[in-house]
PDB file of N, CA and C in Angstrom:
ATOM      1  N   MET A   1      31.224 -51.073  19.965  1.00  0.00           N
ATOM      2  CA  MET A   1      30.055 -50.371  19.481  1.00  0.00           C
ATOM      3  C   MET A   1      29.376 -49.672  20.656  1.00  0.00           C
ATOM      4  N   ASN A   2      28.931 -48.478  20.444  1.00  0.00           N
ATOM      5  CA  ASN A   2      28.248 -47.708  21.467  1.00  0.00           C
ATOM      6  C   ASN A   2      26.741 -47.979  21.364  1.00  0.00           C
ATOM      7  N   TYR A   3      26.266 -48.875  22.226  1.00  0.00           N
ATOM      8  CA  TYR A   3      24.851 -49.264  22.174  1.00  0.00           C
ATOM      9  C   TYR A   3      23.934 -48.095  22.506  1.00  0.00           C
ATOM     10  N   GLN A   4      24.372 -47.249  23.441  1.00  0.00           N
ATOM     11  CA  GLN A   4      23.537 -46.123  23.829  1.00  0.00           C
ATOM     12  C   GLN A   4      23.304 -45.191  22.651  1.00  0.00           C
ATOM     13  N   LYS A   5      24.374 -44.893  21.934  1.00  0.00           N
ATOM     14  CA  LYS A   5      24.258 -44.016  20.767  1.00  0.00           C
ATOM     15  C   LYS A   5      23.373 -44.660  19.704  1.00  0.00           C
ATOM     16  N   LEU A   6      23.541 -45.962  19.500  1.00  0.00           N
ATOM     17  CA  LEU A   6      22.728 -46.693  18.528  1.00  0.00           C
ATOM     18  C   LEU A   6      21.249 -46.652  18.921  1.00  0.00           C
ATOM     19  N   LEU A   7      20.975 -46.904  20.191  1.00  0.00           N
ATOM     20  CA  LEU A   7      19.592 -46.892  20.669  1.00  0.00           C
ATOM     21  C   LEU A   7      18.964 -45.518  20.477  1.00  0.00           C
ATOM     22  N   ASN A   8      19.674 -44.480  20.885  1.00  0.00           N
ATOM     23  CA  ASN A   8      19.136 -43.125  20.752  1.00  0.00           C
ATOM     24  C   ASN A   8      18.942 -42.738  19.288  1.00  0.00           C
ATOM     25  N   SER A   9      19.871 -43.136  18.451  1.00  0.00           N
ATOM     26  CA  SER A   9      19.753 -42.866  17.014  1.00  0.00           C
ATOM     27  C   SER A   9      18.537 -43.583  16.434  1.00  0.00           C
ATOM     28  N   ASN A  10      18.299 -44.799  16.895  1.00  0.00           N
ATOM     29  CA  ASN A  10      17.161 -45.572  16.407  1.00  0.00           C
ATOM     30  C   ASN A  10      15.834 -45.003  16.879  1.00  0.00           C
ATOM     31  N   ILE A  11      15.830 -44.400  18.059  1.00  0.00           N
ATOM     32  CA  ILE A  11      14.612 -43.743  18.537  1.00  0.00           C
ATOM     33  C   ILE A  11      14.268 -42.590  17.594  1.00  0.00           C
ATOM     34  N   LYS A  12      15.275 -41.814  17.229  1.00  0.00           N
ATOM     35  CA  LYS A  12      15.047 -40.701  16.299  1.00  0.00           C
ATOM     36  C   LYS A  12      14.585 -41.226  14.940  1.00  0.00           C
ATOM     37  N   GLU A  13      15.238 -42.269  14.461  1.00  0.00           N
ATOM     38  CA  GLU A  13      14.863 -42.844  13.162  1.00  0.00           C
ATOM     39  C   GLU A  13      13.438 -43.368  13.184  1.00  0.00           C
ATOM     40  N   LEU A  14      13.036 -43.994  14.280  1.00  0.00           N
ATOM     41  CA  LEU A  14      11.677 -44.508  14.420  1.00  0.00           C
ATOM     42  C   LEU A  14      10.675 -43.355  14.339  1.00  0.00           C
ATOM     43  N   ARG A  15      10.977 -42.271  15.029  1.00  0.00           N
ATOM     44  CA  ARG A  15      10.097 -41.098  15.007  1.00  0.00           C
ATOM     45  C   ARG A  15       9.951 -40.563  13.590  1.00  0.00           C
ATOM     46  N   ILE A  16      11.068 -40.403  12.901  1.00  0.00           N
ATOM     47  CA  ILE A  16      11.063 -39.858  11.539  1.00  0.00           C
ATOM     48  C   ILE A  16      10.345 -40.803  10.585  1.00  0.00           C
ATOM     49  N   ARG A  17      10.602 -42.096  10.724  1.00  0.00           N
ATOM     50  CA  ARG A  17       9.967 -43.078   9.839  1.00  0.00           C
ATOM     51  C   ARG A  17       8.446 -43.057   9.965  1.00  0.00           C
ATOM     52  N   HIS A  18       7.960 -42.724  11.153  1.00  0.00           N
ATOM     53  CA  HIS A  18       6.514 -42.655  11.366  1.00  0.00           C
ATOM     54  C   HIS A  18       5.957 -41.270  11.082  1.00  0.00           C
ATOM     55  N   GLY A  19       6.817 -40.382  10.603  1.00  0.00           N
ATOM     56  CA  GLY A  19       6.372 -39.055  10.210  1.00  0.00           C
ATOM     57  C   GLY A  19       5.899 -38.196  11.363  1.00  0.00           C
ATOM     58  N   LEU A  20       6.485 -38.383  12.529  1.00  0.00           N
ATOM     59  CA  LEU A  20       6.071 -37.640  13.711  1.00  0.00           C
ATOM     60  C   LEU A  20       7.061 -36.534  14.046  1.00  0.00           C
ATOM     61  N   THR A  21       6.527 -35.423  14.514  1.00  0.00           N
ATOM     62  CA  THR A  21       7.389 -34.358  15.028  1.00  0.00           C
ATOM     63  C   THR A  21       7.888 -34.793  16.400  1.00  0.00           C
ATOM     64  N   GLN A  22       8.885 -34.083  16.913  1.00  0.00           N
ATOM     65  CA  GLN A  22       9.352 -34.396  18.261  1.00  0.00           C
ATOM     66  C   GLN A  22       8.213 -34.226  19.265  1.00  0.00           C
ATOM     67  N   GLU A  23       7.414 -33.211  19.075  1.00  0.00           N
ATOM     68  CA  GLU A  23       6.297 -32.958  19.985  1.00  0.00           C
ATOM     69  C   GLU A  23       5.300 -34.121  19.967  1.00  0.00           C
ATOM     70  N   GLU A  24       4.942 -34.602  18.787  1.00  0.00           N
ATOM     71  CA  GLU A  24       3.986 -35.707  18.662  1.00  0.00           C
ATOM     72  C   GLU A  24       4.545 -36.993  19.274  1.00  0.00           C
ATOM     73  N   PHE A  25       5.802 -37.273  18.966  1.00  0.00           N
ATOM     74  CA  PHE A  25       6.434 -38.492  19.471  1.00  0.00           C
ATOM     75  C   PHE A  25       6.543 -38.431  20.996  1.00  0.00           C
ATOM     76  N   ALA A  26       7.005 -37.292  21.510  1.00  0.00           N
ATOM     77  CA  ALA A  26       7.161 -37.130  22.957  1.00  0.00           C
ATOM     78  C   ALA A  26       5.821 -37.314  23.672  1.00  0.00           C
ATOM     79  N   GLU A  27       4.773 -36.774  23.090  1.00  0.00           N
ATOM     80  CA  GLU A  27       3.437 -36.907  23.686  1.00  0.00           C
ATOM     81  C   GLU A  27       2.997 -38.366  23.702  1.00  0.00           C
ATOM     82  N   LYS A  28       3.253 -39.071  22.609  1.00  0.00           N
ATOM     83  CA  LYS A  28       2.881 -40.495  22.507  1.00  0.00           C
ATOM     84  C   LYS A  28       3.533 -41.341  23.590  1.00  0.00           C
ATOM     85  N   ILE A  29       4.801 -41.016  23.908  1.00  0.00           N
ATOM     86  CA  ILE A  29       5.528 -41.853  24.867  1.00  0.00           C
ATOM     87  C   ILE A  29       5.605 -41.229  26.266  1.00  0.00           C
ATOM     88  N   GLY A  30       4.980 -40.064  26.427  1.00  0.00           N
ATOM     89  CA  GLY A  30       4.869 -39.475  27.756  1.00  0.00           C
ATOM     90  C   GLY A  30       6.128 -38.847  28.320  1.00  0.00           C
ATOM     91  N   ILE A  31       6.941 -38.232  27.453  1.00  0.00           N
ATOM     92  CA  ILE A  31       8.095 -37.487  27.952  1.00  0.00           C
ATOM     93  C   ILE A  31       8.047 -36.071  27.371  1.00  0.00           C
ATOM     94  N   SER A  32       8.865 -35.198  27.905  1.00  0.00           N
ATOM     95  CA  SER A  32       8.884 -33.819  27.412  1.00  0.00           C
ATOM     96  C   SER A  32       9.599 -33.749  26.066  1.00  0.00           C
ATOM     97  N   ILE A  33       9.317 -32.693  25.333  1.00  0.00           N
ATOM     98  CA  ILE A  33      10.003 -32.477  24.049  1.00  0.00           C
ATOM     99  C   ILE A  33      11.502 -32.338  24.296  1.00  0.00           C
ATOM    100  N   GLN A  34      11.862 -31.616  25.353  1.00  0.00           N
ATOM    101  CA  GLN A  34      13.281 -31.433  25.678  1.00  0.00           C
ATOM    102  C   GLN A  34      13.926 -32.779  26.011  1.00  0.00           C
ATOM    103  N   GLY A  35      13.186 -33.626  26.728  1.00  0.00           N
ATOM    104  CA  GLY A  35      13.700 -34.964  27.045  1.00  0.00           C
ATOM    105  C   GLY A  35      13.954 -35.774  25.786  1.00  0.00           C
ATOM    106  N   LEU A  36      13.022 -35.721  24.842  1.00  0.00           N
ATOM    107  CA  LEU A  36      13.196 -36.439  23.581  1.00  0.00           C
ATOM    108  C   LEU A  36      14.364 -35.866  22.798  1.00  0.00           C
ATOM    109  N   SER A  37      14.457 -34.560  22.761  1.00  0.00           N
ATOM    110  CA  SER A  37      15.566 -33.916  22.060  1.00  0.00           C
ATOM    111  C   SER A  37      16.903 -34.364  22.651  1.00  0.00           C
ATOM    112  N   ASN A  38      16.977 -34.432  23.974  1.00  0.00           N
ATOM    113  CA  ASN A  38      18.210 -34.876  24.628  1.00  0.00           C
ATOM    114  C   ASN A  38      18.524 -36.334  24.319  1.00  0.00           C
ATOM    115  N   LEU A  39      17.485 -37.178  24.213  1.00  0.00           N
ATOM    116  CA  LEU A  39      17.707 -38.574  23.827  1.00  0.00           C
ATOM    117  C   LEU A  39      18.263 -38.652  22.408  1.00  0.00           C
ATOM    118  N   GLU A  40      17.609 -37.925  21.501  1.00  0.00           N
ATOM    119  CA  GLU A  40      18.023 -37.983  20.094  1.00  0.00           C
ATOM    120  C   GLU A  40      19.439 -37.442  19.890  1.00  0.00           C
ATOM    121  N   ARG A  41      19.860 -36.546  20.752  1.00  0.00           N
ATOM    122  CA  ARG A  41      21.217 -36.003  20.638  1.00  0.00           C
ATOM    123  C   ARG A  41      22.207 -36.766  21.515  1.00  0.00           C
ATOM    124  N   ASN A  42      21.762 -37.877  22.067  1.00  0.00           N
ATOM    125  CA  ASN A  42      22.596 -38.768  22.863  1.00  0.00           C
ATOM    126  C   ASN A  42      23.119 -38.110  24.142  1.00  0.00           C
ATOM    127  N   ARG A  43      22.338 -37.203  24.693  1.00  0.00           N
ATOM    128  CA  ARG A  43      22.731 -36.557  25.948  1.00  0.00           C
ATOM    129  C   ARG A  43      22.274 -37.355  27.161  1.00  0.00           C
ATOM    130  N   TYR A  44      21.175 -38.081  26.996  1.00  0.00           N
ATOM    131  CA  TYR A  44      20.624 -38.881  28.084  1.00  0.00           C
ATOM    132  C   TYR A  44      20.280 -40.262  27.573  1.00  0.00           C
ATOM    133  N   GLN A  45      20.193 -41.189  28.521  1.00  0.00           N
ATOM    134  CA  GLN A  45      19.771 -42.544  28.194  1.00  0.00           C
ATOM    135  C   GLN A  45      18.275 -42.666  28.471  1.00  0.00           C
ATOM    136  N   PRO A  46      17.548 -43.381  27.621  1.00  0.00           N
ATOM    137  CA  PRO A  46      16.134 -43.594  27.928  1.00  0.00           C
ATOM    138  C   PRO A  46      15.999 -44.529  29.121  1.00  0.00           C
ATOM    139  N   THR A  47      14.998 -44.291  29.941  1.00  0.00           N
ATOM    140  CA  THR A  47      14.730 -45.198  31.055  1.00  0.00           C
ATOM    141  C   THR A  47      14.073 -46.462  30.499  1.00  0.00           C
ATOM    142  N   SER A  48      14.050 -47.486  31.309  1.00  0.00           N
ATOM    143  CA  SER A  48      13.391 -48.721  30.870  1.00  0.00           C
ATOM    144  C   SER A  48      11.899 -48.453  30.650  1.00  0.00           C
ATOM    145  N   ASP A  49      11.333 -47.561  31.433  1.00  0.00           N
ATOM    146  CA  ASP A  49       9.920 -47.194  31.263  1.00  0.00           C
ATOM    147  C   ASP A  49       9.701 -46.525  29.899  1.00  0.00           C
ATOM    148  N   THR A  50      10.602 -45.639  29.508  1.00  0.00           N
ATOM    149  CA  THR A  50      10.491 -44.967  28.207  1.00  0.00           C
ATOM    150  C   THR A  50      10.633 -45.974  27.078  1.00  0.00           C
ATOM    151  N   ILE A  51      11.587 -46.880  27.195  1.00  0.00           N
ATOM    152  CA  ILE A  51      11.775 -47.920  26.170  1.00  0.00           C
ATOM    153  C   ILE A  51      10.508 -48.765  26.073  1.00  0.00           C
ATOM    154  N   ASP A  52       9.942 -49.117  27.225  1.00  0.00           N
ATOM    155  CA  ASP A  52       8.712 -49.912  27.240  1.00  0.00           C
ATOM    156  C   ASP A  52       7.575 -49.174  26.534  1.00  0.00           C
ATOM    157  N   LYS A  53       7.423 -47.890  26.798  1.00  0.00           N
ATOM    158  CA  LYS A  53       6.366 -47.095  26.167  1.00  0.00           C
ATOM    159  C   LYS A  53       6.573 -46.998  24.658  1.00  0.00           C
ATOM    160  N   ILE A  54       7.809 -46.810  24.230  1.00  0.00           N
ATOM    161  CA  ILE A  54       8.106 -46.744  22.797  1.00  0.00           C
ATOM    162  C   ILE A  54       7.720 -48.066  22.136  1.00  0.00           C
ATOM    163  N   CYS A  55       8.150 -49.156  22.754  1.00  0.00           N
ATOM    164  CA  CYS A  55       7.881 -50.479  22.174  1.00  0.00           C
ATOM    165  C   CYS A  55       6.380 -50.773  22.115  1.00  0.00           C
ATOM    166  N   LYS A  56       5.653 -50.426  23.153  1.00  0.00           N
ATOM    167  CA  LYS A  56       4.207 -50.668  23.166  1.00  0.00           C
ATOM    168  C   LYS A  56       3.499 -49.804  22.128  1.00  0.00           C
ATOM    169  N   ASN A  57       3.873 -48.523  22.044  1.00  0.00           N
ATOM    170  CA  ASN A  57       3.227 -47.613  21.101  1.00  0.00           C
ATOM    171  C   ASN A  57       3.482 -47.987  19.656  1.00  0.00           C
ATOM    172  N   PHE A  58       4.657 -48.511  19.370  1.00  0.00           N
ATOM    173  CA  PHE A  58       5.008 -48.816  17.983  1.00  0.00           C
ATOM    174  C   PHE A  58       5.042 -50.315  17.705  1.00  0.00           C
ATOM    175  N   LYS A  59       4.561 -51.082  18.685  1.00  0.00           N
ATOM    176  CA  LYS A  59       4.419 -52.536  18.541  1.00  0.00           C
ATOM    177  C   LYS A  59       5.713 -53.200  18.052  1.00  0.00           C
ATOM    178  N   ILE A  60       6.795 -52.899  18.775  1.00  0.00           N
ATOM    179  CA  ILE A  60       8.091 -53.514  18.490  1.00  0.00           C
ATOM    180  C   ILE A  60       8.670 -54.029  19.799  1.00  0.00           C
ATOM    181  N   SER A  61       9.646 -54.913  19.686  1.00  0.00           N
ATOM    182  CA  SER A  61      10.322 -55.413  20.884  1.00  0.00           C
ATOM    183  C   SER A  61      11.533 -54.523  21.169  1.00  0.00           C
ATOM    184  N   PRO A  62      12.042 -54.577  22.394  1.00  0.00           N
ATOM    185  CA  PRO A  62      13.248 -53.807  22.696  1.00  0.00           C
ATOM    186  C   PRO A  62      14.415 -54.171  21.769  1.00  0.00           C
ATOM    187  N   VAL A  63      14.505 -55.426  21.399  1.00  0.00           N
ATOM    188  CA  VAL A  63      15.572 -55.839  20.473  1.00  0.00           C
ATOM    189  C   VAL A  63      15.387 -55.164  19.122  1.00  0.00           C
ATOM    190  N   GLU A  64      14.153 -55.103  18.650  1.00  0.00           N
ATOM    191  CA  GLU A  64      13.885 -54.428  17.374  1.00  0.00           C
ATOM    192  C   GLU A  64      14.239 -52.954  17.460  1.00  0.00           C
ATOM    193  N   LEU A  65      14.012 -52.360  18.618  1.00  0.00           N
ATOM    194  CA  LEU A  65      14.369 -50.953  18.784  1.00  0.00           C
ATOM    195  C   LEU A  65      15.870 -50.775  18.683  1.00  0.00           C
ATOM    196  N   LEU A  66      16.608 -51.720  19.213  1.00  0.00           N
ATOM    197  CA  LEU A  66      18.066 -51.645  19.125  1.00  0.00           C
ATOM    198  C   LEU A  66      18.543 -51.854  17.692  1.00  0.00           C
ATOM    199  N   LEU A  67      17.819 -52.651  16.930  1.00  0.00           N
ATOM    200  CA  LEU A  67      18.243 -52.975  15.568  1.00  0.00           C
ATOM    201  C   LEU A  67      17.480 -52.200  14.497  1.00  0.00           C
ATOM    202  N   THR A  68      16.710 -51.214  14.882  1.00  0.00           N
ATOM    203  CA  THR A  68      15.832 -50.501  13.961  1.00  0.00           C
ATOM    204  C   THR A  68      16.516 -50.022  12.697  1.00  0.00           C
ATOM    205  N   ASN A  69      17.737 -49.500  12.796  1.00  0.00           N
ATOM    206  CA  ASN A  69      18.343 -48.923  11.598  1.00  0.00           C
ATOM    207  C   ASN A  69      19.089 -49.936  10.747  1.00  0.00           C
ATOM    208  N   SER A  70      18.831 -51.206  10.966  1.00  0.00           N
ATOM    209  CA  SER A  70      19.509 -52.247  10.204  1.00  0.00           C
ATOM    210  C   SER A  70      18.824 -52.475   8.866  1.00  0.00           C
ATOM    211  N   LYS A  71      19.072 -51.611   7.918  1.00  0.00           N
ATOM    212  CA  LYS A  71      18.412 -51.696   6.622  1.00  0.00           C
ATOM    213  C   LYS A  71      19.209 -52.499   5.606  1.00  0.00           C
ATOM    214  N   THR A  72      20.479 -52.647   5.838  1.00  0.00           N
ATOM    215  CA  THR A  72      21.303 -53.369   4.879  1.00  0.00           C
ATOM    216  C   THR A  72      21.948 -54.560   5.568  1.00  0.00           C
ATOM    217  N   ASN A  73      22.420 -55.498   4.768  1.00  0.00           N
ATOM    218  CA  ASN A  73      23.123 -56.646   5.337  1.00  0.00           C
ATOM    219  C   ASN A  73      24.332 -56.193   6.141  1.00  0.00           C
ATOM    220  N   GLU A  74      25.016 -55.178   5.654  1.00  0.00           N
ATOM    221  CA  GLU A  74      26.203 -54.677   6.355  1.00  0.00           C
ATOM    222  C   GLU A  74      25.830 -54.180   7.751  1.00  0.00           C
ATOM    223  N   ASN A  75      24.748 -53.427   7.850  1.00  0.00           N
ATOM    224  CA  ASN A  75      24.307 -52.951   9.164  1.00  0.00           C
ATOM    225  C   ASN A  75      23.857 -54.101  10.051  1.00  0.00           C
ATOM    226  N   LEU A  76      23.169 -55.063   9.470  1.00  0.00           N
ATOM    227  CA  LEU A  76      22.744 -56.226  10.256  1.00  0.00           C
ATOM    228  C   LEU A  76      23.950 -56.970  10.812  1.00  0.00           C
ATOM    229  N   ILE A  77      24.938 -57.183   9.989  1.00  0.00           N
ATOM    230  CA  ILE A  77      26.139 -57.894  10.420  1.00  0.00           C
ATOM    231  C   ILE A  77      26.850 -57.119  11.528  1.00  0.00           C
ATOM    232  N   LYS A  78      26.943 -55.803  11.383  1.00  0.00           N
ATOM    233  CA  LYS A  78      27.566 -54.977  12.426  1.00  0.00           C
ATOM    234  C   LYS A  78      26.812 -55.112  13.742  1.00  0.00           C
ATOM    235  N   ASN A  79      25.491 -55.040  13.666  1.00  0.00           N
ATOM    236  CA  ASN A  79      24.687 -55.129  14.883  1.00  0.00           C
ATOM    237  C   ASN A  79      24.775 -56.514  15.515  1.00  0.00           C
ATOM    238  N   ILE A  80      24.771 -57.541  14.705  1.00  0.00           N
ATOM    239  CA  ILE A  80      24.914 -58.904  15.229  1.00  0.00           C
ATOM    240  C   ILE A  80      26.265 -59.061  15.897  1.00  0.00           C
ATOM    241  N   ASN A  81      27.306 -58.589  15.247  1.00  0.00           N
ATOM    242  CA  ASN A  81      28.647 -58.672  15.837  1.00  0.00           C
ATOM    243  C   ASN A  81      28.723 -57.931  17.161  1.00  0.00           C
ATOM    244  N   ALA A  82      28.096 -56.776  17.235  1.00  0.00           N
ATOM    245  CA  ALA A  82      28.094 -55.999  18.475  1.00  0.00           C
ATOM    246  C   ALA A  82      27.399 -56.775  19.593  1.00  0.00           C
ATOM    247  N   LEU A  83      26.286 -57.413  19.275  1.00  0.00           N
ATOM    248  CA  LEU A  83      25.578 -58.196  20.274  1.00  0.00           C
ATOM    249  C   LEU A  83      26.385 -59.412  20.720  1.00  0.00           C
ATOM    250  N   LEU A  84      27.115 -60.010  19.802  1.00  0.00           N
ATOM    251  CA  LEU A  84      27.891 -61.210  20.107  1.00  0.00           C
ATOM    252  C   LEU A  84      29.100 -60.921  21.000  1.00  0.00           C
ATOM    253  N   GLN A  85      29.581 -59.698  20.988  1.00  0.00           N
ATOM    254  CA  GLN A  85      30.769 -59.341  21.756  1.00  0.00           C
ATOM    255  C   GLN A  85      30.623 -59.641  23.245  1.00  0.00           C
ATOM    256  N   SER A  86      29.425 -59.528  23.768  1.00  0.00           N
ATOM    257  CA  SER A  86      29.232 -59.722  25.209  1.00  0.00           C
ATOM    258  C   SER A  86      28.847 -61.153  25.577  1.00  0.00           C
ATOM    259  N   CYS A  87      28.808 -62.043  24.601  1.00  0.00           N
ATOM    260  CA  CYS A  87      28.401 -63.427  24.853  1.00  0.00           C
ATOM    261  C   CYS A  87      29.562 -64.266  25.378  1.00  0.00           C
ATOM    262  N   SER A  88      29.217 -65.212  26.228  1.00  0.00           N
ATOM    263  CA  SER A  88      30.205 -66.183  26.713  1.00  0.00           C
ATOM    264  C   SER A  88      30.530 -67.156  25.586  1.00  0.00           C
ATOM    265  N   ALA A  89      31.595 -67.910  25.773  1.00  0.00           N
ATOM    266  CA  ALA A  89      31.986 -68.905  24.764  1.00  0.00           C
ATOM    267  C   ALA A  89      30.872 -69.936  24.575  1.00  0.00           C
ATOM    268  N   GLN A  90      30.246 -70.330  25.667  1.00  0.00           N
ATOM    269  CA  GLN A  90      29.152 -71.303  25.586  1.00  0.00           C
ATOM    270  C   GLN A  90      27.972 -70.735  24.791  1.00  0.00           C
ATOM    271  N   LYS A  91      27.602 -69.495  25.064  1.00  0.00           N
ATOM    272  CA  LYS A  91      26.484 -68.859  24.363  1.00  0.00           C
ATOM    273  C   LYS A  91      26.823 -68.705  22.879  1.00  0.00           C
ATOM    274  N   LEU A  92      28.072 -68.333  22.576  1.00  0.00           N
ATOM    275  CA  LEU A  92      28.483 -68.202  21.175  1.00  0.00           C
ATOM    276  C   LEU A  92      28.372 -69.538  20.453  1.00  0.00           C
ATOM    277  N   ARG A  93      28.733 -70.601  21.119  1.00  0.00           N
ATOM    278  CA  ARG A  93      28.642 -71.937  20.517  1.00  0.00           C
ATOM    279  C   ARG A  93      27.185 -72.281  20.202  1.00  0.00           C
ATOM    280  N   GLN A  94      26.284 -71.961  21.129  1.00  0.00           N
ATOM    281  CA  GLN A  94      24.853 -72.216  20.915  1.00  0.00           C
ATOM    282  C   GLN A  94      24.332 -71.404  19.733  1.00  0.00           C
ATOM    283  N   ILE A  95      24.732 -70.153  19.672  1.00  0.00           N
ATOM    284  CA  ILE A  95      24.304 -69.286  18.571  1.00  0.00           C
ATOM    285  C   ILE A  95      24.837 -69.822  17.251  1.00  0.00           C
ATOM    286  N   TYR A  96      26.076 -70.260  17.258  1.00  0.00           N
ATOM    287  CA  TYR A  96      26.689 -70.827  16.058  1.00  0.00           C
ATOM    288  C   TYR A  96      25.889 -72.045  15.583  1.00  0.00           C
ATOM    289  N   GLU A  97      25.523 -72.910  16.503  1.00  0.00           N
ATOM    290  CA  GLU A  97      24.749 -74.101  16.151  1.00  0.00           C
ATOM    291  C   GLU A  97      23.381 -73.720  15.570  1.00  0.00           C
ATOM    292  N   ILE A  98      22.760 -72.712  16.143  1.00  0.00           N
ATOM    293  CA  ILE A  98      21.465 -72.246  15.636  1.00  0.00           C
ATOM    294  C   ILE A  98      21.614 -71.705  14.220  1.00  0.00           C
ATOM    295  N   ILE A  99      22.656 -70.941  13.993  1.00  0.00           N
ATOM    296  CA  ILE A  99      22.900 -70.389  12.656  1.00  0.00           C
ATOM    297  C   ILE A  99      23.100 -71.507  11.645  1.00  0.00           C
ATOM    298  N   LEU A 100      23.863 -72.525  12.017  1.00  0.00           N
ATOM    299  CA  LEU A 100      24.066 -73.660  11.107  1.00  0.00           C
ATOM    300  C   LEU A 100      22.742 -74.332  10.757  1.00  0.00           C
ATOM    301  N   VAL A 101      21.891 -74.538  11.739  1.00  0.00           N
ATOM    302  CA  VAL A 101      20.579 -75.151  11.494  1.00  0.00           C
ATOM    303  C   VAL A 101      19.760 -74.276  10.554  1.00  0.00           C
ATOM    304  N   LEU A 102      19.736 -72.977  10.819  1.00  0.00           N
ATOM    305  CA  LEU A 102      18.973 -72.061   9.966  1.00  0.00           C
ATOM    306  C   LEU A 102      19.493 -72.051   8.536  1.00  0.00           C
ATOM    307  N   LEU A 103      20.789 -72.036   8.386  1.00  0.00           N
ATOM    308  CA  LEU A 103      21.373 -72.015   7.049  1.00  0.00           C
ATOM    309  C   LEU A 103      21.125 -73.313   6.289  1.00  0.00           C
ATOM    310  N   ASN A 104      21.216 -74.411   6.992  1.00  0.00           N
ATOM    311  CA  ASN A 104      20.989 -75.714   6.357  1.00  0.00           C
ATOM    312  C   ASN A 104      19.518 -75.940   6.024  1.00  0.00           C
ATOM    313  N   SER A 105      18.620 -75.342   6.788  1.00  0.00           N
ATOM    314  CA  SER A 105      17.191 -75.541   6.516  1.00  0.00           C
ATOM    315  C   SER A 105      16.717 -74.691   5.333  1.00  0.00           C
ATOM    316  N   SER A 106      17.490 -73.686   4.963  1.00  0.00           N
ATOM    317  CA  SER A 106      17.075 -72.830   3.856  1.00  0.00           C
ATOM    318  C   SER A 106      17.603 -73.316   2.511  1.00  0.00           C
ATOM    319  N   LYS A 107      18.305 -74.427   2.502  1.00  0.00           N
ATOM    320  CA  LYS A 107      18.852 -74.960   1.239  1.00  0.00           C
ATOM    321  C   LYS A 107      17.858 -75.836   0.542  1.00  0.00           C
TER     322      LYS A 107
END
């Protein structure tokens, strides 16, 4: 999975969901309109400072920004799988145990 493309796509989706033009969104987060356009078209990566400004302005975490377009179970599963790909065997085991606890507590 291309995380950069996903992140940039989610930035655009966040802007549209809030009904903002590129100019309004760019002003809110302190970058140029051209810079925002390049992010939305996946030409550039957002800096950590830009991600921080987006998250603060829209009161979301960086993880939520990465998962913003997860509207369906299928998208959620894809995003979870993508995140799990970089985990060590030990971390995967811990996550598995957490999932079991969560599933068993909802019964």
